[in-house]
Amino acid sequence: MTRFAKTMMGITAGVVLSAGLIGSAAAQQNELFPLMQRWGNVEYEMQGDAQQRAFESLVKEADTLAQRYPDNAHVLTAQGVVLASYAKAKGGLGALDLAKQARKALERAIQIDPQGENGSAYVTLGALYQHAPGWPIAFGDDDKAGELLKRAVEIRPDGIDTNFYYAQYLEDQGQHAEARQYAERAVKGQARKGRASDEALRQEVRQWLARHG
């Protein structure tokens, strides 16, 4: 539990315009994009109790959207991202329950969209499997985490988030040289349009590389 609470990182959401139903596209443009913009601000600019309160509010908004659009992969991915970030901020038993909710939303998103929101759902889900406790406490599984994170890189090989979280996984597995290669790819990665959180993550990658020599 402590390992999960301390190491679960915020995940950058890859929200792009849907080619699906008009109602789903409207939800994304008018409701989902602002939600994820606020998520980025809360994840990277807030701390402590204020951050937890902000995440709680975002989770309620994401849950409402998911109830309204239960088959929208964009909405479900965003819901999973927000839940995972809140789990990291909250810690304790509540964090584990939130992580399970996040996993359910992300697995459903991937079922609907096998590309997993251009890899973003795979990044978040892989990090959850990597950092959650294993059985019988929870669902943590290093092998599963590796598969999901590698898939994210395959889908979006120039992503800042896809490369960085795979680098962290490889570092945890003791594959230091390969981990550094992916972290360096993350620094050179492509920031997504309208995603200030990608640049914040790029700075985090630089700091990670400095710490790991």
Protein backbone atom coordinates (compact mmCIF):
# COMPACT_ATOMS: atom_id res chain seq x y z
CA MET A 1 0.00 0.00 0.00
CA THR A 2 2.75 2.44 0.94
CA ARG A 3 4.63 1.56 -2.24
CA PHE A 4 1.56 2.33 -4.31
CA ALA A 5 0.83 5.62 -2.55
CA LYS A 6 4.40 6.86 -2.86
CA THR A 7 5.29 5.75 -6.35
CA MET A 8 2.13 6.01 -8.40
CA MET A 9 2.78 8.91 -10.78
CA GLY A 10 0.35 11.28 -12.44
CA ILE A 11 -0.44 10.27 -15.94
CA THR A 12 -0.85 12.56 -18.89
CA ALA A 13 -4.14 12.04 -20.71
CA GLY A 14 -4.18 11.85 -24.49
CA VAL A 15 -7.54 13.33 -25.35
CA VAL A 16 -8.17 13.87 -29.08
CA LEU A 17 -11.30 14.61 -31.11
CA SER A 18 -13.58 11.65 -31.62
CA ALA A 19 -14.73 10.39 -34.98
CA GLY A 20 -17.74 8.83 -33.28
CA LEU A 21 -21.24 10.03 -32.51
CA ILE A 22 -22.02 13.73 -32.49
CA GLY A 23 -23.05 13.56 -28.86
CA SER A 24 -19.73 12.01 -27.87
CA ALA A 25 -17.73 14.57 -29.82
CA ALA A 26 -19.70 17.38 -28.19
CA ALA A 27 -19.01 15.91 -24.77
CA GLN A 28 -15.31 15.86 -25.48
CA GLN A 29 -15.08 19.36 -26.91
CA ASN A 30 -17.35 21.12 -24.43
CA GLU A 31 -16.81 19.13 -21.24
CA LEU A 32 -13.92 16.70 -21.42
CA PHE A 33 -11.14 18.94 -22.70
CA PRO A 34 -11.62 21.60 -19.97
CA LEU A 35 -11.76 18.81 -17.39
CA MET A 36 -8.39 17.46 -18.46
CA GLN A 37 -6.89 20.94 -18.61
CA ARG A 38 -7.88 21.37 -14.96
CA TRP A 39 -6.48 17.92 -14.22
CA GLY A 40 -3.09 19.05 -15.52
CA ASN A 41 -3.15 22.11 -13.28
CA VAL A 42 -4.08 20.06 -10.22
CA GLU A 43 -1.53 17.31 -10.97
CA TYR A 44 1.47 19.55 -11.57
CA GLU A 45 0.73 22.79 -9.69
CA MET A 46 -1.02 21.76 -6.45
CA GLN A 47 -0.02 19.76 -3.40
CA GLY A 48 -1.34 18.43 -0.11
CA ASP A 49 -4.92 18.78 1.07
CA ALA A 50 -5.78 21.35 -1.59
CA GLN A 51 -4.73 18.92 -4.30
CA GLN A 52 -6.78 16.11 -2.80
CA ARG A 53 -9.88 18.29 -2.60
CA ALA A 54 -9.40 19.35 -6.21
CA PHE A 55 -8.99 15.75 -7.35
CA GLU A 56 -12.13 14.73 -5.46
CA SER A 57 -14.06 17.37 -7.37
CA LEU A 58 -12.56 16.26 -10.70
CA VAL A 59 -13.43 12.62 -9.98
CA LYS A 60 -17.07 13.58 -9.45
CA GLU A 61 -17.09 15.45 -12.77
CA ALA A 62 -15.45 12.53 -14.58
CA ASP A 63 -17.86 10.04 -13.03
CA THR A 64 -20.82 12.14 -14.15
CA LEU A 65 -19.48 12.22 -17.72
CA ALA A 66 -18.88 8.46 -17.66
CA GLN A 67 -22.46 7.86 -16.58
CA ARG A 68 -23.67 10.10 -19.40
CA TYR A 69 -21.38 8.56 -22.04
CA PRO A 70 -20.67 4.99 -20.82
CA ASP A 71 -19.37 3.80 -24.20
CA ASN A 72 -17.08 6.74 -24.99
CA ALA A 73 -13.43 5.64 -24.84
CA HIS A 74 -12.24 9.25 -24.52
CA VAL A 75 -14.41 9.82 -21.45
CA LEU A 76 -13.46 6.49 -19.87
CA THR A 77 -9.75 7.13 -20.38
CA ALA A 78 -10.04 10.55 -18.78
CA GLN A 79 -11.97 9.03 -15.89
CA GLY A 80 -9.23 6.45 -15.36
CA VAL A 81 -6.51 9.10 -15.46
CA VAL A 82 -8.26 11.30 -12.89
CA LEU A 83 -8.97 8.35 -10.60
CA ALA A 84 -5.34 7.18 -10.79
CA SER A 85 -4.02 10.63 -9.96
CA TYR A 86 -6.42 10.94 -7.03
CA ALA A 87 -5.26 7.53 -5.78
CA LYS A 88 -1.66 8.73 -5.81
CA ALA A 89 -2.56 11.92 -3.93
CA LYS A 90 -4.83 10.25 -1.38
CA GLY A 91 -2.89 7.14 -0.35
CA GLY A 92 -4.08 4.54 2.14
CA LEU A 93 -7.00 2.14 1.67
CA GLY A 94 -8.89 4.76 -0.29
CA ALA A 95 -6.09 4.81 -2.84
CA LEU A 96 -6.47 1.10 -3.50
CA ASP A 97 -10.19 1.38 -4.10
CA LEU A 98 -9.64 4.31 -6.46
CA ALA A 99 -6.98 2.34 -8.33
CA LYS A 100 -9.42 -0.52 -8.87
CA GLN A 101 -12.00 1.91 -10.22
CA ALA A 102 -9.38 3.41 -12.53
CA ARG A 103 -8.42 -0.03 -13.83
CA LYS A 104 -12.06 -0.85 -14.63
CA ALA A 105 -12.54 2.40 -16.57
CA LEU A 106 -9.29 2.00 -18.53
CA GLU A 107 -9.87 -1.64 -19.42
CA ARG A 108 -13.31 -0.70 -20.71
CA ALA A 109 -11.79 2.16 -22.74
CA ILE A 110 -9.30 -0.23 -24.37
CA GLN A 111 -12.08 -2.71 -25.07
CA ILE A 112 -13.92 0.03 -26.97
CA ASP A 113 -10.81 1.51 -28.58
CA PRO A 114 -7.94 -1.00 -29.01
CA GLN A 115 -5.53 1.91 -29.55
CA GLY A 116 -6.33 3.06 -26.04
CA GLU A 117 -6.62 6.79 -26.78
CA ASN A 118 -3.41 6.81 -28.78
CA GLY A 119 -1.65 4.83 -26.06
CA SER A 120 -2.72 6.95 -23.08
CA ALA A 121 -5.01 4.34 -21.57
CA TYR A 122 -2.18 1.79 -21.76
CA VAL A 123 0.23 4.16 -19.98
CA THR A 124 -2.12 4.73 -17.07
CA LEU A 125 -3.17 1.11 -16.81
CA GLY A 126 0.42 -0.10 -16.98
CA ALA A 127 1.47 2.24 -14.18
CA LEU A 128 -1.41 0.98 -12.06
CA TYR A 129 -0.35 -2.64 -12.54
CA GLN A 130 3.26 -1.69 -11.81
CA HIS A 131 2.67 0.14 -8.54
CA ALA A 132 -0.40 -1.48 -7.01
CA PRO A 133 0.19 -4.24 -4.43
CA GLY A 134 -0.02 -7.77 -5.77
CA TRP A 135 -2.42 -10.55 -4.90
CA PRO A 136 -4.16 -11.06 -2.48
CA ILE A 137 -4.24 -7.36 -1.57
CA ALA A 138 -4.73 -5.99 -5.07
CA PHE A 139 -3.98 -6.58 -8.76
CA GLY A 140 -0.33 -5.51 -9.08
CA ASP A 141 1.58 -7.50 -11.70
CA ASP A 142 4.99 -6.48 -13.08
CA ASP A 143 4.74 -8.67 -16.16
CA LYS A 144 1.34 -7.25 -17.08
CA ALA A 145 2.64 -3.74 -16.44
CA GLY A 146 5.54 -4.28 -18.81
CA GLU A 147 3.24 -5.54 -21.57
CA LEU A 148 0.92 -2.54 -21.26
CA LEU A 149 3.67 0.07 -21.08
CA LYS A 150 5.52 -1.44 -24.03
CA ARG A 151 2.28 -1.42 -26.02
CA ALA A 152 1.87 2.29 -25.27
CA VAL A 153 5.32 2.98 -26.75
CA GLU A 154 4.48 0.90 -29.82
CA ILE A 155 1.33 2.94 -30.40
CA ARG A 156 2.96 6.35 -29.80
CA PRO A 157 6.76 5.96 -30.09
CA ASP A 158 7.44 9.70 -29.91
CA GLY A 159 5.36 10.31 -26.78
CA ILE A 160 6.85 11.97 -23.72
CA ASP A 161 4.62 10.01 -21.35
CA THR A 162 4.79 6.68 -23.18
CA ASN A 163 8.59 6.64 -23.16
CA PHE A 164 9.04 7.99 -19.66
CA TYR A 165 6.75 5.56 -17.88
CA TYR A 166 8.27 2.66 -19.76
CA ALA A 167 11.69 3.97 -18.70
CA GLN A 168 10.58 4.00 -15.07
CA TYR A 169 9.33 0.45 -15.39
CA LEU A 170 12.63 -0.71 -16.90
CA GLU A 171 14.56 1.03 -14.13
CA ASP A 172 12.49 -0.79 -11.52
CA GLN A 173 13.31 -4.05 -13.31
CA GLY A 174 17.02 -3.30 -13.07
CA GLN A 175 17.45 -2.58 -16.79
CA HIS A 176 19.26 0.70 -16.21
CA ALA A 177 20.86 1.27 -19.61
CA GLU A 178 17.66 0.58 -21.52
CA ALA A 179 15.68 2.71 -19.07
CA ARG A 180 17.95 5.66 -19.76
CA GLN A 181 17.49 5.24 -23.51
CA TYR A 182 13.72 5.52 -23.20
CA ALA A 183 13.99 8.46 -20.79
CA GLU A 184 16.18 10.28 -23.31
CA ARG A 185 13.59 9.56 -25.98
CA ALA A 186 10.98 11.09 -23.67
CA VAL A 187 12.99 14.30 -23.34
CA LYS A 188 13.05 14.56 -27.14
CA GLY A 189 9.42 13.48 -27.44
CA GLN A 190 6.56 15.30 -29.12
CA ALA A 191 4.35 17.39 -26.85
CA ARG A 192 0.71 17.17 -27.82
CA LYS A 193 -1.13 20.28 -28.92
CA GLY A 194 -2.95 21.96 -26.05
CA ARG A 195 -1.28 19.76 -23.43
CA ALA A 196 0.78 21.96 -21.13
CA SER A 197 1.08 18.93 -18.87
CA ASP A 198 3.34 17.29 -21.47
CA GLU A 199 5.94 20.03 -21.02
CA ALA A 200 5.66 19.69 -17.24
CA LEU A 201 6.31 15.98 -17.64
CA ARG A 202 9.30 16.68 -19.89
CA GLN A 203 10.85 18.68 -17.03
CA GLU A 204 10.16 15.76 -14.69
CA VAL A 205 11.99 13.45 -17.09
CA ARG A 206 15.03 15.74 -17.10
CA GLN A 207 15.09 15.69 -13.30
CA TRP A 208 14.76 11.91 -13.32
CA LEU A 209 17.72 11.58 -15.69
CA ALA A 210 19.80 13.86 -13.46
CA ARG A 211 19.02 11.73 -10.41
CA HIS A 212 19.85 8.51 -12.22
CA GLY A 213 23.16 9.69 -13.63
